[in-house]
Amino acid sequence: MLRFKALVLAMLTGSLLAVASPAFASHEKVLYSFCPTSCQTDGDFPFSTPIFDAAGNLYGTTYEGGQNDSGTVFELSQGPGGAWTETTLFNFPNCEGFGSLAGLTFDASGNLYGTTFGCGSAKGGTVFELSHGSSGWSYQVLHNFGIGHDGWALGAAVIFDSAGNIYGTTNEGGQNGSGIVFELSPNDGQWTEKILYNFGSFGRTNSVSNLITDTAGNLYGTSALGGGAGCGGSGCGIVFELSPSSNGHWTERVLHKFNGVNGANPISGVIFDGAGNLYGTTANGGRAGCNPPVGCGTVFELSPGTAGHWTERVIRFFDANPKNPTGNLVFDTAGNLYGTTSTGGGTGCNGGGCGKVFKLTPAGNGTWTFSTLHIFLDNHKDGNTPYAGLVLDSAGNLYGTTYQGGSGIWNVGCGTVFEITP
């Protein structure tokens, strides 16, 4: 099985000397460090972006730890004095150590939905619901993956359409063994799965990205590999669109193929701006002189044109300091972009740097100004290796997770939830 973690780590190779970083005035605060005394109490290794509820509480998942060493669903609540308290809402059952790598999604009633990577009756992963009632949270598996030509190994969150259908991706499985795009539709308390697209045809393969939808109901996402013969023969990845038709059939269209020079291996998904342009990151590719031959990654923009053609423009080439953006981007109300790099920023973390939080500010004439908001250091106390992206609160503060670091019981730390005040 091609594990999501192995896929990510395989793309983030190489180690470079650090270069000087510009000064920055933002402040980072660790809200919670996992495994304060035991990893069985709260889980460890958060891999995804947390989400807010209407009351300002944060929710997320951990990949391992908890009572069954298969990960947890957690809540962070802020008290009157500003301190944050962690509550474990659910311990995933025995998943052979492969719990949830993905973030959570709320429905209109305040129920939480997510995916697991290796849980379920067939150990192919699940889509689950946590319903909030008077007696607490109740766990229900909506679909078990890994049976027949069904997909398996879910590394991304799910989304809803206006009719209450759920959409997501799997990293593997399907007719070609390279993953699927699926739909789950509610029917009298049961959920019916429909495979919308099988990756692996025409060189598209291994999607681990979150999907987004537009007002017409089209789905957009990325695949980390495929699209051509580049990047060692596996292809450098694509951005795709899936469009529904009246007969229930979905048509896949490639909006962009990465070739290494303009980026490679888009692990995270894409987001829209107000004008209908798409933005995302590639974990590798870009400048040939950075971390050869794989490159250090990019931030890209895709702009729609005539006859359905999309034009790609790289708005940031990453160098050794920082490098390897793997998480989602997020816009603030002023049109600034924020993101993370999973490595770079210093000589720590085995020489590759421990990651950064960055900001891209539109400067006119299509140019963007890059600035560093925070460098994660090798003392681990402030966290390190932020694989996931960020979320904004109403005041413009940024929140995210680091896969390792913090003041937990392990030497490298068990991960953190952090806040950045720009």
Protein backbone atom coordinates (compact mmCIF):
# COMPACT_ATOMS: atom_id res chain seq x y z
CA MET A 1 0.00 0.00 0.00
CA LEU A 2 1.26 3.45 -0.93
CA ARG A 3 0.75 5.29 2.33
CA PHE A 4 -0.04 8.99 2.19
CA LYS A 5 2.74 9.76 4.62
CA ALA A 6 5.21 7.81 2.49
CA LEU A 7 4.03 9.67 -0.61
CA VAL A 8 4.56 13.02 1.06
CA LEU A 9 7.97 12.16 2.48
CA ALA A 10 9.11 10.72 -0.84
CA MET A 11 8.45 14.08 -2.45
CA LEU A 12 10.25 16.11 0.20
CA THR A 13 13.82 14.95 -0.32
CA GLY A 14 17.12 16.81 -0.14
CA SER A 15 18.87 19.12 2.30
CA LEU A 16 20.33 22.56 1.59
CA LEU A 17 22.26 25.25 3.43
CA ALA A 18 20.04 27.93 4.92
CA VAL A 19 20.12 31.55 3.81
CA ALA A 20 19.31 34.67 5.77
CA SER A 21 15.62 35.31 6.39
CA PRO A 22 13.96 38.74 6.55
CA ALA A 23 12.89 40.08 9.90
CA PHE A 24 9.22 39.71 10.85
CA ALA A 25 7.02 41.10 13.59
CA SER A 26 4.30 38.44 13.90
CA HIS A 27 3.91 36.42 17.07
CA GLU A 28 3.50 32.64 17.35
CA LYS A 29 1.81 30.99 20.32
CA VAL A 30 1.46 27.26 20.93
CA LEU A 31 -2.14 26.64 21.98
CA TYR A 32 -1.62 22.95 22.70
CA SER A 33 1.20 20.38 22.63
CA PHE A 34 0.11 16.79 22.16
CA CYS A 35 1.22 13.93 24.43
CA PRO A 36 1.83 16.06 27.56
CA THR A 37 2.17 12.90 29.69
CA SER A 38 0.92 10.06 27.48
CA CYS A 39 -0.07 9.78 23.81
CA GLN A 40 -2.98 7.57 24.83
CA THR A 41 -4.85 10.49 26.35
CA ASP A 42 -5.01 12.88 23.41
CA GLY A 43 -3.37 11.42 20.29
CA ASP A 44 -0.28 12.56 18.40
CA PHE A 45 0.87 13.71 14.97
CA PRO A 46 -1.84 16.11 13.74
CA PHE A 47 -1.57 16.15 9.95
CA SER A 48 -4.40 18.49 8.89
CA THR A 49 -5.76 22.03 9.13
CA PRO A 50 -8.10 22.62 12.10
CA ILE A 51 -11.54 24.19 11.66
CA PHE A 52 -13.63 26.59 13.77
CA ASP A 53 -17.20 26.27 14.98
CA ALA A 54 -19.45 29.30 15.43
CA ALA A 55 -18.37 29.67 19.06
CA GLY A 56 -14.66 29.88 18.20
CA ASN A 57 -13.68 26.37 19.24
CA LEU A 58 -11.13 24.49 17.11
CA TYR A 59 -11.55 20.93 15.88
CA GLY A 60 -9.09 18.54 14.27
CA THR A 61 -7.72 15.02 14.05
CA THR A 62 -4.54 13.17 14.93
CA TYR A 63 -3.03 10.39 12.86
CA GLU A 64 -1.88 8.18 15.73
CA GLY A 65 -2.14 7.93 19.51
CA GLY A 66 -5.28 7.86 21.57
CA GLN A 67 -6.63 4.86 23.45
CA ASN A 68 -6.21 2.52 20.45
CA ASP A 69 -3.10 4.16 18.95
CA SER A 70 -5.16 4.91 15.84
CA GLY A 71 -5.73 8.62 16.23
CA THR A 72 -8.37 10.89 17.68
CA VAL A 73 -10.82 13.70 17.01
CA PHE A 74 -10.12 16.63 19.32
CA GLU A 75 -11.59 19.98 20.33
CA LEU A 76 -9.71 23.01 21.66
CA SER A 77 -11.75 25.52 23.66
CA GLN A 78 -10.53 28.87 24.91
CA GLY A 79 -11.30 29.80 28.51
CA PRO A 80 -11.89 33.26 30.06
CA GLY A 81 -8.17 33.68 30.82
CA GLY A 82 -7.13 32.93 27.24
CA ALA A 83 -5.84 29.40 27.92
CA TRP A 84 -6.94 26.63 25.59
CA THR A 85 -8.20 23.27 26.85
CA GLU A 86 -8.02 20.08 24.77
CA THR A 87 -10.86 17.58 24.85
CA THR A 88 -10.70 14.23 23.04
CA LEU A 89 -14.09 13.78 21.39
CA PHE A 90 -13.44 10.35 19.88
CA ASN A 91 -10.78 7.65 19.78
CA PHE A 92 -10.68 5.85 16.45
CA PRO A 93 -10.98 2.07 16.69
CA ASN A 94 -8.08 -0.22 15.89
CA CYS A 95 -6.93 0.99 12.48
CA GLU A 96 -3.51 -0.66 12.58
CA GLY A 97 -2.04 2.73 13.42
CA PHE A 98 -3.55 4.57 10.44
CA GLY A 99 -6.23 6.91 11.69
CA SER A 100 -7.20 10.24 10.14
CA LEU A 101 -4.83 12.32 8.02
CA ALA A 102 -7.57 14.69 6.92
CA GLY A 103 -9.37 17.69 8.34
CA LEU A 104 -13.01 17.86 9.42
CA THR A 105 -16.13 19.40 7.87
CA PHE A 106 -19.26 20.74 9.61
CA ASP A 107 -22.75 20.33 8.23
CA ALA A 108 -25.50 22.90 8.81
CA SER A 109 -26.58 21.12 12.03
CA GLY A 110 -23.13 21.21 13.60
CA ASN A 111 -22.25 17.57 12.99
CA LEU A 112 -18.66 16.73 12.07
CA TYR A 113 -17.60 14.68 9.06
CA GLY A 114 -14.21 13.31 8.17
CA THR A 115 -12.20 10.46 6.71
CA THR A 116 -9.85 7.79 8.01
CA PHE A 117 -6.93 6.34 6.11
CA GLY A 118 -6.93 2.69 7.21
CA CYS A 119 -9.99 2.12 9.41
CA GLY A 120 -13.18 0.30 8.56
CA SER A 121 -14.34 -3.25 7.98
CA ALA A 122 -12.03 -3.66 4.96
CA LYS A 123 -9.21 -1.52 6.42
CA GLY A 124 -9.44 0.73 3.37
CA GLY A 125 -10.57 3.83 5.24
CA THR A 126 -13.94 5.36 6.00
CA VAL A 127 -16.10 8.44 5.77
CA PHE A 128 -17.53 9.04 9.24
CA GLU A 129 -19.94 11.34 11.05
CA LEU A 130 -19.75 12.60 14.63
CA SER A 131 -23.18 13.80 15.74
CA HIS A 132 -23.46 16.13 18.72
CA GLY A 133 -26.29 15.33 21.10
CA SER A 134 -27.24 15.93 24.72
CA SER A 135 -25.09 12.98 25.84
CA GLY A 136 -22.03 13.92 23.80
CA TRP A 137 -20.70 12.90 20.41
CA SER A 138 -21.90 9.79 18.60
CA TYR A 139 -19.73 8.10 15.94
CA GLN A 140 -21.14 6.53 12.77
CA VAL A 141 -19.36 5.12 9.72
CA LEU A 142 -21.13 6.30 6.56
CA HIS A 143 -19.09 4.21 4.14
CA ASN A 144 -16.35 1.57 4.36
CA PHE A 145 -13.79 1.70 1.54
CA GLY A 146 -11.57 -1.01 0.10
CA ILE A 147 -14.10 -3.50 -1.30
CA GLY A 148 -13.88 -4.52 -4.98
CA HIS A 149 -13.11 -1.61 -7.31
CA ASP A 150 -13.94 0.86 -4.55
CA GLY A 151 -11.17 3.28 -3.64
CA TRP A 152 -9.10 3.10 -0.48
CA ALA A 153 -6.58 5.11 1.55
CA LEU A 154 -8.37 8.43 2.16
CA GLY A 155 -6.02 11.35 2.79
CA ALA A 156 -8.32 14.33 2.21
CA ALA A 157 -11.33 15.97 3.83
CA VAL A 158 -14.83 15.81 2.36
CA ILE A 159 -17.14 18.57 1.14
CA PHE A 160 -20.92 18.94 0.80
CA ASP A 161 -23.06 20.21 -2.06
CA SER A 162 -26.32 22.10 -1.52
CA ALA A 163 -28.33 18.86 -1.67
CA GLY A 164 -26.35 17.28 1.17
CA ASN A 165 -24.23 14.93 -0.94
CA ILE A 166 -20.63 14.31 0.16
CA TYR A 167 -17.62 14.38 -2.19
CA GLY A 168 -14.04 13.28 -1.67
CA THR A 169 -11.01 11.48 -3.07
CA THR A 170 -9.02 8.35 -2.32
CA ASN A 171 -5.30 7.96 -2.83
CA GLU A 172 -5.49 4.39 -4.12
CA GLY A 173 -7.94 1.79 -5.37
CA GLY A 174 -10.53 2.02 -8.11
CA GLN A 175 -10.39 0.35 -11.51
CA ASN A 176 -6.82 1.46 -12.16
CA GLY A 177 -5.48 1.24 -8.61
CA SER A 178 -4.66 4.95 -8.52
CA GLY A 179 -7.60 6.35 -6.57
CA ILE A 180 -11.05 7.73 -7.25
CA VAL A 181 -13.32 10.73 -6.84
CA PHE A 182 -16.49 9.60 -5.05
CA GLU A 183 -19.94 10.87 -4.08
CA LEU A 184 -21.95 9.71 -1.06
CA SER A 185 -25.70 10.40 -1.25
CA PRO A 186 -28.08 10.15 1.74
CA ASN A 187 -31.10 7.88 1.37
CA ASP A 188 -33.38 7.09 4.34
CA GLY A 189 -30.52 7.12 6.83
CA GLN A 190 -28.19 5.17 4.56
CA TRP A 191 -25.46 6.50 2.29
CA THR A 192 -24.93 5.29 -1.27
CA GLU A 193 -21.51 5.60 -2.90
CA LYS A 194 -21.01 6.47 -6.56
CA ILE A 195 -17.59 6.56 -8.22
CA LEU A 196 -17.41 9.74 -10.30
CA TYR A 197 -13.92 9.23 -11.69
CA ASN A 198 -11.15 6.62 -11.64
CA PHE A 199 -7.64 8.04 -11.55
CA GLY A 200 -4.95 6.30 -13.55
CA SER A 201 -6.57 6.76 -16.93
CA PHE A 202 -4.64 9.11 -19.21
CA GLY A 203 -1.83 9.38 -16.69
CA ARG A 204 -3.75 10.94 -13.79
CA THR A 205 -2.94 9.28 -10.52
CA ASN A 206 -2.88 9.51 -6.72
CA SER A 207 -5.03 12.41 -5.56
CA VAL A 208 -4.68 13.37 -1.92
CA SER A 209 -6.15 16.85 -2.23
CA ASN A 210 -9.28 18.38 -0.80
CA LEU A 211 -11.93 19.18 -3.40
CA ILE A 212 -13.72 22.50 -3.88
CA THR A 213 -16.87 23.29 -5.84
CA ASP A 214 -18.08 26.30 -7.82
CA THR A 215 -21.62 27.69 -8.09
CA ALA A 216 -22.36 25.45 -11.07
CA GLY A 217 -21.53 22.32 -9.09
CA ASN A 218 -18.23 21.55 -10.79
CA LEU A 219 -15.51 19.95 -8.65
CA TYR A 220 -11.85 21.02 -8.67
CA GLY A 221 -8.78 19.30 -7.25
CA THR A 222 -5.26 18.12 -7.91
CA SER A 223 -3.41 14.86 -8.35
CA ALA A 224 0.12 14.65 -7.01
CA LEU A 225 1.39 12.53 -9.91
CA GLY A 226 0.43 11.88 -13.51
CA GLY A 227 -0.22 14.13 -16.48
CA GLY A 228 2.84 13.22 -18.52
CA ALA A 229 6.17 11.50 -18.64
CA GLY A 230 8.11 14.00 -16.52
CA CYS A 231 9.29 13.78 -12.92
CA GLY A 232 11.00 10.44 -13.28
CA GLY A 233 8.29 8.96 -15.52
CA SER A 234 5.49 9.29 -12.96
CA GLY A 235 4.26 12.65 -14.21
CA CYS A 236 4.44 15.88 -12.23
CA GLY A 237 0.75 16.20 -11.36
CA ILE A 238 -2.30 18.06 -12.63
CA VAL A 239 -5.16 20.39 -11.68
CA PHE A 240 -8.48 18.89 -12.80
CA GLU A 241 -12.17 19.76 -13.08
CA LEU A 242 -15.10 17.34 -12.89
CA SER A 243 -18.36 18.58 -14.41
CA PRO A 244 -21.77 16.95 -13.91
CA SER A 245 -24.27 16.42 -16.72
CA SER A 246 -28.04 15.95 -16.65
CA ASN A 247 -27.73 12.16 -17.09
CA GLY A 248 -25.63 11.81 -13.94
CA HIS A 249 -22.35 11.32 -15.79
CA TRP A 250 -19.30 13.33 -14.77
CA THR A 251 -16.67 14.55 -17.23
CA GLU A 252 -13.06 15.08 -16.18
CA ARG A 253 -10.99 17.83 -17.77
CA VAL A 254 -7.35 18.67 -17.11
CA LEU A 255 -6.94 22.40 -16.50
CA HIS A 256 -3.16 22.25 -16.14
CA LYS A 257 -0.29 19.75 -16.34
CA PHE A 258 2.81 20.48 -14.28
CA ASN A 259 6.14 19.85 -15.97
CA GLY A 260 8.65 20.35 -13.15
CA VAL A 261 9.79 23.79 -14.27
CA ASN A 262 6.41 25.31 -13.38
CA GLY A 263 5.98 23.10 -10.32
CA ALA A 264 5.59 19.44 -9.45
CA ASN A 265 3.58 17.28 -7.03
CA PRO A 266 0.58 19.41 -5.95
CA ILE A 267 -0.33 17.64 -2.71
CA SER A 268 -2.81 20.25 -1.45
CA GLY A 269 -5.93 21.36 -3.30
CA VAL A 270 -6.77 24.69 -4.90
CA ILE A 271 -8.82 27.71 -3.80
CA PHE A 272 -10.73 30.39 -5.73
CA ASP A 273 -10.35 34.15 -5.51
CA GLY A 274 -13.28 36.50 -6.14
CA ALA A 275 -12.50 36.72 -9.86
CA GLY A 276 -12.60 32.98 -10.46
CA ASN A 277 -8.85 32.38 -10.53
CA LEU A 278 -7.46 29.26 -8.85
CA TYR A 279 -4.46 29.26 -6.49
CA GLY A 280 -2.46 26.40 -5.05
CA THR A 281 0.96 25.05 -4.18
CA THR A 282 3.28 22.38 -5.51
CA ALA A 283 5.52 20.59 -3.03
CA ASN A 284 8.37 20.35 -5.54
CA GLY A 285 9.45 21.69 -8.91
CA GLY A 286 10.36 25.22 -9.83
CA ARG A 287 13.89 26.52 -10.03
CA ALA A 288 16.28 23.90 -11.31
CA GLY A 289 19.08 25.00 -8.98
CA CYS A 290 17.09 24.39 -5.80
CA ASN A 291 17.26 20.89 -4.37
CA PRO A 292 18.06 19.26 -7.74
CA PRO A 293 16.50 17.45 -9.41
CA VAL A 294 13.14 17.75 -7.61
CA GLY A 295 13.00 21.51 -6.86
CA CYS A 296 11.71 23.32 -3.78
CA GLY A 297 8.12 24.06 -4.76
CA THR A 298 5.92 26.88 -6.01
CA VAL A 299 2.76 28.91 -5.44
CA PHE A 300 0.76 29.11 -8.68
CA GLU A 301 -2.25 30.89 -10.15
CA LEU A 302 -4.55 29.50 -12.84
CA SER A 303 -6.64 32.05 -14.74
CA PRO A 304 -9.60 31.06 -16.96
CA GLY A 305 -9.57 32.29 -20.56
CA THR A 306 -11.51 31.75 -23.76
CA ALA A 307 -12.65 28.34 -24.99
CA GLY A 308 -12.10 26.78 -21.57
CA HIS A 309 -8.36 27.39 -21.62
CA TRP A 310 -6.57 28.08 -18.33
CA THR A 311 -3.24 29.93 -18.05
CA GLU A 312 -0.80 29.10 -15.26
CA ARG A 313 1.53 31.64 -13.70
CA VAL A 314 4.00 30.93 -10.92
CA ILE A 315 3.74 33.72 -8.34
CA ARG A 316 6.39 32.30 -6.01
CA PHE A 317 9.38 30.04 -6.59
CA PHE A 318 10.61 28.63 -3.28
CA ASP A 319 14.30 28.28 -2.50
CA ALA A 320 16.09 26.50 0.33
CA ASN A 321 14.66 28.94 2.86
CA PRO A 322 11.83 27.95 2.93
CA LYS A 323 10.82 25.04 0.71
CA ASN A 324 8.22 22.31 0.13
CA PRO A 325 4.73 23.79 0.65
CA THR A 326 2.33 20.88 1.18
CA GLY A 327 -0.69 22.56 2.80
CA ASN A 328 -3.63 24.54 1.52
CA LEU A 329 -3.54 28.31 0.94
CA VAL A 330 -6.00 30.74 2.48
CA PHE A 331 -7.05 34.31 1.56
CA ASP A 332 -7.78 37.10 4.03
CA THR A 333 -10.35 39.82 3.33
CA ALA A 334 -7.68 42.10 1.84
CA GLY A 335 -6.65 39.53 -0.77
CA ASN A 336 -3.42 38.41 0.89
CA LEU A 337 -2.45 34.74 0.65
CA TYR A 338 -1.13 32.72 3.58
CA GLY A 339 0.48 29.30 3.69
CA THR A 340 3.13 27.07 5.21
CA THR A 341 6.22 25.24 4.08
CA SER A 342 6.89 21.89 5.68
CA THR A 343 10.67 22.33 5.64
CA GLY A 344 13.26 25.10 5.31
CA GLY A 345 13.94 28.08 7.48
CA GLY A 346 17.16 26.95 9.14
CA THR A 347 19.63 24.15 9.60
CA GLY A 348 17.61 22.24 12.18
CA CYS A 349 15.34 19.22 11.70
CA ASN A 350 18.10 17.06 10.20
CA GLY A 351 19.53 19.94 8.22
CA GLY A 352 16.47 20.69 6.13
CA GLY A 353 14.86 23.31 8.35
CA CYS A 354 11.64 22.92 10.33
CA GLY A 355 9.24 24.97 8.21
CA LYS A 356 7.76 28.45 7.93
CA VAL A 357 4.50 30.39 7.86
CA PHE A 358 4.46 32.86 4.95
CA LYS A 359 2.39 35.65 3.48
CA LEU A 360 2.01 36.77 -0.16
CA THR A 361 0.74 40.33 -0.65
CA PRO A 362 -0.48 41.54 -4.06
CA ALA A 363 1.79 44.41 -5.10
CA GLY A 364 0.15 45.44 -8.40
CA ASN A 365 0.85 44.54 -12.03
CA GLY A 366 0.44 40.89 -11.19
CA THR A 367 3.38 40.81 -8.75
CA TRP A 368 3.33 39.52 -5.19
CA THR A 369 5.52 40.38 -2.20
CA PHE A 370 6.69 37.46 -0.07
CA SER A 371 7.20 37.82 3.69
CA THR A 372 7.92 35.41 6.54
CA LEU A 373 5.55 35.39 9.52
CA HIS A 374 7.21 32.64 11.56
CA ILE A 375 10.15 30.25 11.41
CA PHE A 376 9.81 26.96 13.28
CA LEU A 377 13.03 26.25 15.14
CA ASP A 378 14.84 23.08 16.04
CA ASN A 379 14.21 23.38 19.76
CA HIS A 380 10.83 21.80 18.94
CA LYS A 381 8.99 23.83 21.58
CA ASP A 382 7.10 25.93 19.03
CA GLY A 383 6.41 22.93 16.79
CA ASN A 384 8.02 21.76 13.59
CA THR A 385 7.03 20.36 10.21
CA PRO A 386 3.70 22.08 9.42
CA TYR A 387 2.40 19.75 6.69
CA ALA A 388 -1.07 21.31 6.77
CA GLY A 389 -2.26 24.76 5.80
CA LEU A 390 -3.89 27.50 7.84
CA VAL A 391 -7.28 28.81 8.88
CA LEU A 392 -8.17 32.44 9.75
CA ASP A 393 -10.39 33.69 12.55
CA SER A 394 -12.57 36.81 12.27
CA ALA A 395 -9.77 38.99 13.70
CA GLY A 396 -7.27 37.87 11.06
CA ASN A 397 -5.24 35.55 13.29
CA LEU A 398 -3.91 32.37 11.72
CA TYR A 399 -4.18 28.85 13.15
CA GLY A 400 -2.56 25.60 12.12
CA THR A 401 -0.89 22.39 13.23
CA THR A 402 2.62 21.00 13.19
CA TYR A 403 3.17 17.30 12.66
CA GLN A 404 5.92 17.20 15.29
CA GLY A 405 7.43 19.47 17.93
CA GLY A 406 5.98 20.98 21.05
CA SER A 407 6.58 20.07 24.67
CA GLY A 408 5.24 16.53 24.46
CA ILE A 409 6.95 13.52 25.96
CA TRP A 410 8.91 12.49 22.86
CA ASN A 411 12.26 14.06 22.00
CA VAL A 412 10.95 15.36 18.67
CA GLY A 413 7.57 16.27 20.12
CA CYS A 414 4.16 14.90 19.20
CA GLY A 415 2.82 17.94 17.36
CA THR A 416 1.10 21.20 18.19
CA VAL A 417 -1.81 23.48 17.43
CA PHE A 418 -0.51 27.03 17.03
CA GLU A 419 -1.74 30.60 16.54
CA ILE A 420 0.03 33.31 14.51
CA THR A 421 -0.87 36.94 15.22
CA PRO A 422 0.31 38.92 12.17
